[in-house]
């Protein structure tokens, strides 16, 4: 059960499939002030680890199992 606070609604702007999963790029603004690589953030109810930051938002990796079992697979 998610018990965090929703700070904003971001947008998944890029999904690059790779062996074993995918790389996601999420466009966001409000959460960027205190977000950095290694931070944990919920995306569509899935807890992801931020791997990089860009001017548009952040990137995270998703395993094949996470894509199969969650809405991130769509």
PDB file of N, CA and C in Angstrom:
ATOM      1  N   UNK A   1       0.836  -1.172   0.000  1.00  0.00           N
ATOM      2  CA  UNK A   1       0.000   0.000   0.000  1.00  0.00           C
ATOM      3  C   UNK A   1       0.882   1.236   0.000  1.00  0.00           C
ATOM      4  N   UNK A   2       0.599   2.165  -0.890  1.00  0.00           N
ATOM      5  CA  UNK A   2       1.349   3.412  -0.991  1.00  0.00           C
ATOM      6  C   UNK A   2       0.879   4.367   0.102  1.00  0.00           C
ATOM      7  N   UNK A   3       1.799   4.860   0.898  1.00  0.00           N
ATOM      8  CA  UNK A   3       1.430   5.788   1.972  1.00  0.00           C
ATOM      9  C   UNK A   3       2.164   7.120   1.856  1.00  0.00           C
ATOM     10  N   UNK A   4       2.765   7.373   0.698  1.00  0.00           N
ATOM     11  CA  UNK A   4       3.508   8.608   0.500  1.00  0.00           C
ATOM     12  C   UNK A   4       2.595   9.752   0.103  1.00  0.00           C
ATOM     13  N   UNK A   5       3.204  10.883  -0.158  1.00  0.00           N
ATOM     14  CA  UNK A   5       2.479  12.078  -0.573  1.00  0.00           C
ATOM     15  C   UNK A   5       2.722  12.285  -2.062  1.00  0.00           C
ATOM     16  N   UNK A   6       1.655  12.472  -2.826  1.00  0.00           N
ATOM     17  CA  UNK A   6       1.786  12.741  -4.247  1.00  0.00           C
ATOM     18  C   UNK A   6       2.183  14.203  -4.408  1.00  0.00           C
ATOM     19  N   UNK A   7       3.362  14.431  -4.978  1.00  0.00           N
ATOM     20  CA  UNK A   7       3.854  15.794  -5.162  1.00  0.00           C
ATOM     21  C   UNK A   7       3.489  16.365  -6.519  1.00  0.00           C
ATOM     22  N   UNK A   8       3.389  15.507  -7.523  1.00  0.00           N
ATOM     23  CA  UNK A   8       3.021  15.960  -8.861  1.00  0.00           C
ATOM     24  C   UNK A   8       2.702  14.751  -9.730  1.00  0.00           C
ATOM     25  N   UNK A   9       2.109  15.018 -10.866  1.00  0.00           N
ATOM     26  CA  UNK A   9       1.874  13.986 -11.873  1.00  0.00           C
ATOM     27  C   UNK A   9       2.862  14.252 -12.992  1.00  0.00           C
ATOM     28  N   UNK A  10       3.810  13.336 -13.147  1.00  0.00           N
ATOM     29  CA  UNK A  10       4.800  13.458 -14.206  1.00  0.00           C
ATOM     30  C   UNK A  10       4.318  12.742 -15.451  1.00  0.00           C
ATOM     31  N   UNK A  11       5.193  12.673 -16.438  1.00  0.00           N
ATOM     32  CA  UNK A  11       4.846  12.018 -17.694  1.00  0.00           C
ATOM     33  C   UNK A  11       6.018  11.161 -18.154  1.00  0.00           C
ATOM     34  N   UNK A  12       5.743   9.903 -18.478  1.00  0.00           N
ATOM     35  CA  UNK A  12       6.772   9.039 -19.046  1.00  0.00           C
ATOM     36  C   UNK A  12       6.927   9.456 -20.499  1.00  0.00           C
ATOM     37  N   UNK A  13       8.087  10.001 -20.839  1.00  0.00           N
ATOM     38  CA  UNK A  13       8.298  10.545 -22.177  1.00  0.00           C
ATOM     39  C   UNK A  13       9.153   9.647 -23.066  1.00  0.00           C
ATOM     40  N   UNK A  14       9.790   8.653 -22.461  1.00  0.00           N
ATOM     41  CA  UNK A  14      10.628   7.757 -23.248  1.00  0.00           C
ATOM     42  C   UNK A  14      10.714   6.399 -22.560  1.00  0.00           C
ATOM     43  N   UNK A  15      10.549   5.356 -23.365  1.00  0.00           N
ATOM     44  CA  UNK A  15      10.743   3.989 -22.897  1.00  0.00           C
ATOM     45  C   UNK A  15      11.658   3.313 -23.911  1.00  0.00           C
ATOM     46  N   UNK A  16      12.831   2.906 -23.454  1.00  0.00           N
ATOM     47  CA  UNK A  16      13.780   2.226 -24.328  1.00  0.00           C
ATOM     48  C   UNK A  16      13.945   0.801 -23.815  1.00  0.00           C
ATOM     49  N   UNK A  17      13.426  -0.152 -24.590  1.00  0.00           N
ATOM     50  CA  UNK A  17      13.529  -1.558 -24.205  1.00  0.00           C
ATOM     51  C   UNK A  17      14.983  -2.003 -24.301  1.00  0.00           C
ATOM     52  N   UNK A  18      15.373  -2.813 -23.348  1.00  0.00           N
ATOM     53  CA  UNK A  18      16.716  -3.395 -23.360  1.00  0.00           C
ATOM     54  C   UNK A  18      16.595  -4.819 -22.837  1.00  0.00           C
ATOM     55  N   UNK A  19      17.606  -5.605 -23.040  1.00  0.00           N
ATOM     56  CA  UNK A  19      17.571  -6.969 -22.542  1.00  0.00           C
ATOM     57  C   UNK A  19      17.423  -6.939 -21.024  1.00  0.00           C
ATOM     58  N   UNK A  20      16.414  -7.594 -20.526  1.00  0.00           N
ATOM     59  CA  UNK A  20      16.199  -7.641 -19.088  1.00  0.00           C
ATOM     60  C   UNK A  20      15.325  -6.525 -18.542  1.00  0.00           C
ATOM     61  N   UNK A  21      14.753  -5.673 -19.420  1.00  0.00           N
ATOM     62  CA  UNK A  21      13.891  -4.620 -18.902  1.00  0.00           C
ATOM     63  C   UNK A  21      13.794  -3.424 -19.821  1.00  0.00           C
ATOM     64  N   UNK A  22      13.783  -2.236 -19.222  1.00  0.00           N
ATOM     65  CA  UNK A  22      13.657  -0.999 -20.008  1.00  0.00           C
ATOM     66  C   UNK A  22      14.226   0.172 -19.219  1.00  0.00           C
ATOM     67  N   UNK A  23      14.570   1.207 -19.946  1.00  0.00           N
ATOM     68  CA  UNK A  23      15.003   2.473 -19.357  1.00  0.00           C
ATOM     69  C   UNK A  23      13.876   3.473 -19.577  1.00  0.00           C
ATOM     70  N   UNK A  24      13.445   4.134 -18.513  1.00  0.00           N
ATOM     71  CA  UNK A  24      12.373   5.112 -18.588  1.00  0.00           C
ATOM     72  C   UNK A  24      12.925   6.510 -18.370  1.00  0.00           C
ATOM     73  N   UNK A  25      12.375   7.468 -19.104  1.00  0.00           N
ATOM     74  CA  UNK A  25      12.650   8.874 -18.836  1.00  0.00           C
ATOM     75  C   UNK A  25      11.327   9.506 -18.430  1.00  0.00           C
ATOM     76  N   UNK A  26      11.307  10.130 -17.274  1.00  0.00           N
ATOM     77  CA  UNK A  26      10.093  10.729 -16.740  1.00  0.00           C
ATOM     78  C   UNK A  26      10.269  12.238 -16.664  1.00  0.00           C
ATOM     79  N   UNK A  27       9.345  12.954 -17.299  1.00  0.00           N
ATOM     80  CA  UNK A  27       9.361  14.415 -17.242  1.00  0.00           C
ATOM     81  C   UNK A  27       8.684  14.848 -15.954  1.00  0.00           C
ATOM     82  N   UNK A  28       9.363  15.694 -15.193  1.00  0.00           N
ATOM     83  CA  UNK A  28       8.848  16.153 -13.902  1.00  0.00           C
ATOM     84  C   UNK A  28       9.466  17.505 -13.584  1.00  0.00           C
ATOM     85  N   UNK A  29       8.806  18.241 -12.695  1.00  0.00           N
ATOM     86  CA  UNK A  29       9.341  19.544 -12.267  1.00  0.00           C
ATOM     87  C   UNK A  29       9.383  19.659 -10.750  1.00  0.00           C
ATOM     88  N   UNK A  30       8.234  19.493 -10.115  1.00  0.00           N
ATOM     89  CA  UNK A  30       8.124  19.757  -8.671  1.00  0.00           C
ATOM     90  C   UNK A  30       9.048  18.881  -7.835  1.00  0.00           C
ATOM     91  N   UNK A  31       9.202  17.622  -8.208  1.00  0.00           N
ATOM     92  CA  UNK A  31      10.010  16.701  -7.391  1.00  0.00           C
ATOM     93  C   UNK A  31      11.505  16.867  -7.607  1.00  0.00           C
ATOM     94  N   UNK A  32      11.900  17.620  -8.619  1.00  0.00           N
ATOM     95  CA  UNK A  32      13.307  17.707  -8.981  1.00  0.00           C
ATOM     96  C   UNK A  32      14.164  18.453  -7.967  1.00  0.00           C
ATOM     97  N   UNK A  33      13.576  19.316  -7.169  1.00  0.00           N
ATOM     98  CA  UNK A  33      14.341  20.130  -6.217  1.00  0.00           C
ATOM     99  C   UNK A  33      15.136  19.281  -5.229  1.00  0.00           C
ATOM    100  N   UNK A  34      14.579  18.161  -4.808  1.00  0.00           N
ATOM    101  CA  UNK A  34      15.270  17.332  -3.815  1.00  0.00           C
ATOM    102  C   UNK A  34      15.488  15.899  -4.298  1.00  0.00           C
ATOM    103  N   UNK A  35      15.592  15.726  -5.607  1.00  0.00           N
ATOM    104  CA  UNK A  35      15.764  14.397  -6.188  1.00  0.00           C
ATOM    105  C   UNK A  35      17.156  14.269  -6.779  1.00  0.00           C
ATOM    106  N   UNK A  36      17.801  13.141  -6.554  1.00  0.00           N
ATOM    107  CA  UNK A  36      19.118  12.892  -7.118  1.00  0.00           C
ATOM    108  C   UNK A  36      19.303  11.417  -7.391  1.00  0.00           C
ATOM    109  N   UNK A  37      20.385  11.056  -8.080  1.00  0.00           N
ATOM    110  CA  UNK A  37      20.663   9.652  -8.350  1.00  0.00           C
ATOM    111  C   UNK A  37      20.680   8.838  -7.051  1.00  0.00           C
ATOM    112  N   UNK A  38      20.022   7.694  -7.094  1.00  0.00           N
ATOM    113  CA  UNK A  38      19.935   6.828  -5.925  1.00  0.00           C
ATOM    114  C   UNK A  38      18.664   7.039  -5.117  1.00  0.00           C
ATOM    115  N   UNK A  39      17.956   8.133  -5.391  1.00  0.00           N
ATOM    116  CA  UNK A  39      16.700   8.403  -4.669  1.00  0.00           C
ATOM    117  C   UNK A  39      15.628   7.418  -5.110  1.00  0.00           C
ATOM    118  N   UNK A  40      14.697   7.173  -4.226  1.00  0.00           N
ATOM    119  CA  UNK A  40      13.574   6.289  -4.507  1.00  0.00           C
ATOM    120  C   UNK A  40      12.335   7.145  -4.766  1.00  0.00           C
ATOM    121  N   UNK A  41      11.599   6.803  -5.826  1.00  0.00           N
ATOM    122  CA  UNK A  41      10.407   7.574  -6.179  1.00  0.00           C
ATOM    123  C   UNK A  41       9.352   6.630  -6.751  1.00  0.00           C
ATOM    124  N   UNK A  42       8.096   6.868  -6.407  1.00  0.00           N
ATOM    125  CA  UNK A  42       6.995   6.040  -6.901  1.00  0.00           C
ATOM    126  C   UNK A  42       6.531   6.562  -8.257  1.00  0.00           C
ATOM    127  N   UNK A  43       6.444   5.665  -9.217  1.00  0.00           N
ATOM    128  CA  UNK A  43       5.947   5.978 -10.556  1.00  0.00           C
ATOM    129  C   UNK A  43       4.847   4.978 -10.863  1.00  0.00           C
ATOM    130  N   UNK A  44       3.637   5.456 -10.987  1.00  0.00           N
ATOM    131  CA  UNK A  44       2.472   4.593 -11.216  1.00  0.00           C
ATOM    132  C   UNK A  44       2.389   3.486 -10.165  1.00  0.00           C
ATOM    133  N   UNK A  45       2.704   3.833  -8.943  1.00  0.00           N
ATOM    134  CA  UNK A  45       2.632   2.884  -7.843  1.00  0.00           C
ATOM    135  C   UNK A  45       3.819   1.953  -7.708  1.00  0.00           C
ATOM    136  N   UNK A  46       4.805   2.110  -8.571  1.00  0.00           N
ATOM    137  CA  UNK A  46       5.997   1.263  -8.549  1.00  0.00           C
ATOM    138  C   UNK A  46       7.164   2.076  -8.012  1.00  0.00           C
ATOM    139  N   UNK A  47       7.835   1.561  -7.005  1.00  0.00           N
ATOM    140  CA  UNK A  47       8.980   2.246  -6.425  1.00  0.00           C
ATOM    141  C   UNK A  47      10.202   2.032  -7.325  1.00  0.00           C
ATOM    142  N   UNK A  48      10.741   3.132  -7.851  1.00  0.00           N
ATOM    143  CA  UNK A  48      11.896   3.069  -8.741  1.00  0.00           C
ATOM    144  C   UNK A  48      13.068   3.830  -8.140  1.00  0.00           C
ATOM    145  N   UNK A  49      14.262   3.479  -8.577  1.00  0.00           N
ATOM    146  CA  UNK A  49      15.474   4.182  -8.168  1.00  0.00           C
ATOM    147  C   UNK A  49      15.917   5.094  -9.298  1.00  0.00           C
ATOM    148  N   UNK A  50      16.135   6.350  -8.976  1.00  0.00           N
ATOM    149  CA  UNK A  50      16.598   7.331  -9.961  1.00  0.00           C
ATOM    150  C   UNK A  50      18.037   6.995 -10.338  1.00  0.00           C
ATOM    151  N   UNK A  51      18.298   6.882 -11.654  1.00  0.00           N
ATOM    152  CA  UNK A  51      19.664   6.595 -12.103  1.00  0.00           C
ATOM    153  C   UNK A  51      20.359   7.824 -12.659  1.00  0.00           C
ATOM    154  N   UNK A  52      19.575   8.796 -13.144  1.00  0.00           N
ATOM    155  CA  UNK A  52      20.183  10.033 -13.632  1.00  0.00           C
ATOM    156  C   UNK A  52      19.149  11.151 -13.650  1.00  0.00           C
ATOM    157  N   UNK A  53      19.671  12.375 -13.703  1.00  0.00           N
ATOM    158  CA  UNK A  53      18.853  13.587 -13.716  1.00  0.00           C
ATOM    159  C   UNK A  53      19.145  14.331 -15.016  1.00  0.00           C
ATOM    160  N   UNK A  54      18.118  14.932 -15.602  1.00  0.00           N
ATOM    161  CA  UNK A  54      18.311  15.758 -16.790  1.00  0.00           C
ATOM    162  C   UNK A  54      17.539  17.066 -16.617  1.00  0.00           C
ATOM    163  N   UNK A  55      17.619  17.928 -17.607  1.00  0.00           N
ATOM    164  CA  UNK A  55      16.880  19.190 -17.527  1.00  0.00           C
ATOM    165  C   UNK A  55      15.375  18.967 -17.613  1.00  0.00           C
ATOM    166  N   UNK A  56      14.947  17.839 -18.166  1.00  0.00           N
ATOM    167  CA  UNK A  56      13.523  17.531 -18.312  1.00  0.00           C
ATOM    168  C   UNK A  56      12.941  16.765 -17.132  1.00  0.00           C
ATOM    169  N   UNK A  57      13.780  16.034 -16.407  1.00  0.00           N
ATOM    170  CA  UNK A  57      13.276  15.196 -15.323  1.00  0.00           C
ATOM    171  C   UNK A  57      14.316  14.197 -14.868  1.00  0.00           C
ATOM    172  N   UNK A  58      13.930  12.923 -14.825  1.00  0.00           N
ATOM    173  CA  UNK A  58      14.853  11.901 -14.333  1.00  0.00           C
ATOM    174  C   UNK A  58      14.669  10.606 -15.113  1.00  0.00           C
ATOM    175  N   UNK A  59      15.636   9.704 -14.951  1.00  0.00           N
ATOM    176  CA  UNK A  59      15.594   8.399 -15.605  1.00  0.00           C
ATOM    177  C   UNK A  59      15.671   7.309 -14.552  1.00  0.00           C
ATOM    178  N   UNK A  60      15.050   6.177 -14.871  1.00  0.00           N
ATOM    179  CA  UNK A  60      15.068   5.013 -13.988  1.00  0.00           C
ATOM    180  C   UNK A  60      15.055   3.755 -14.848  1.00  0.00           C
ATOM    181  N   UNK A  61      15.573   2.674 -14.305  1.00  0.00           N
ATOM    182  CA  UNK A  61      15.564   1.377 -14.980  1.00  0.00           C
ATOM    183  C   UNK A  61      14.433   0.532 -14.416  1.00  0.00           C
ATOM    184  N   UNK A  62      13.835  -0.272 -15.278  1.00  0.00           N
ATOM    185  CA  UNK A  62      12.753  -1.160 -14.873  1.00  0.00           C
ATOM    186  C   UNK A  62      13.105  -2.564 -15.341  1.00  0.00           C
ATOM    187  N   UNK A  63      13.010  -3.530 -14.456  1.00  0.00           N
ATOM    188  CA  UNK A  63      13.316  -4.905 -14.826  1.00  0.00           C
ATOM    189  C   UNK A  63      12.184  -5.498 -15.663  1.00  0.00           C
ATOM    190  N   UNK A  64      12.481  -6.581 -16.357  1.00  0.00           N
ATOM    191  CA  UNK A  64      11.468  -7.273 -17.152  1.00  0.00           C
ATOM    192  C   UNK A  64      10.327  -7.750 -16.263  1.00  0.00           C
ATOM    193  N   UNK A  65      10.629  -8.226 -15.083  1.00  0.00           N
ATOM    194  CA  UNK A  65       9.598  -8.699 -14.143  1.00  0.00           C
ATOM    195  C   UNK A  65       8.688  -7.548 -13.706  1.00  0.00           C
ATOM    196  N   UNK A  66       9.260  -6.386 -13.446  1.00  0.00           N
ATOM    197  CA  UNK A  66       8.445  -5.219 -13.068  1.00  0.00           C
ATOM    198  C   UNK A  66       7.546  -4.823 -14.227  1.00  0.00           C
ATOM    199  N   UNK A  67       8.051  -4.834 -15.427  1.00  0.00           N
ATOM    200  CA  UNK A  67       7.219  -4.508 -16.588  1.00  0.00           C
ATOM    201  C   UNK A  67       6.099  -5.518 -16.750  1.00  0.00           C
ATOM    202  N   UNK A  68       6.388  -6.788 -16.507  1.00  0.00           N
ATOM    203  CA  UNK A  68       5.387  -7.834 -16.651  1.00  0.00           C
ATOM    204  C   UNK A  68       4.289  -7.748 -15.615  1.00  0.00           C
ATOM    205  N   UNK A  69       4.641  -7.355 -14.379  1.00  0.00           N
ATOM    206  CA  UNK A  69       3.697  -7.412 -13.255  1.00  0.00           C
ATOM    207  C   UNK A  69       3.030  -6.089 -12.913  1.00  0.00           C
ATOM    208  N   UNK A  70       3.384  -4.996 -13.594  1.00  0.00           N
ATOM    209  CA  UNK A  70       2.834  -3.688 -13.230  1.00  0.00           C
ATOM    210  C   UNK A  70       2.325  -2.966 -14.477  1.00  0.00           C
ATOM    211  N   UNK A  71       1.732  -1.815 -14.254  1.00  0.00           N
ATOM    212  CA  UNK A  71       1.253  -1.006 -15.370  1.00  0.00           C
ATOM    213  C   UNK A  71       2.388  -0.398 -16.182  1.00  0.00           C
ATOM    214  N   UNK A  72       3.600  -0.437 -15.687  1.00  0.00           N
ATOM    215  CA  UNK A  72       4.735   0.111 -16.444  1.00  0.00           C
ATOM    216  C   UNK A  72       5.031  -0.706 -17.689  1.00  0.00           C
ATOM    217  N   UNK A  73       4.483  -1.889 -17.774  1.00  0.00           N
ATOM    218  CA  UNK A  73       4.654  -2.709 -18.972  1.00  0.00           C
ATOM    219  C   UNK A  73       3.823  -2.241 -20.152  1.00  0.00           C
ATOM    220  N   UNK A  74       2.863  -1.373 -19.872  1.00  0.00           N
ATOM    221  CA  UNK A  74       2.028  -0.847 -20.962  1.00  0.00           C
ATOM    222  C   UNK A  74       2.629   0.418 -21.464  1.00  0.00           C
TER     223      UNK A  74
END
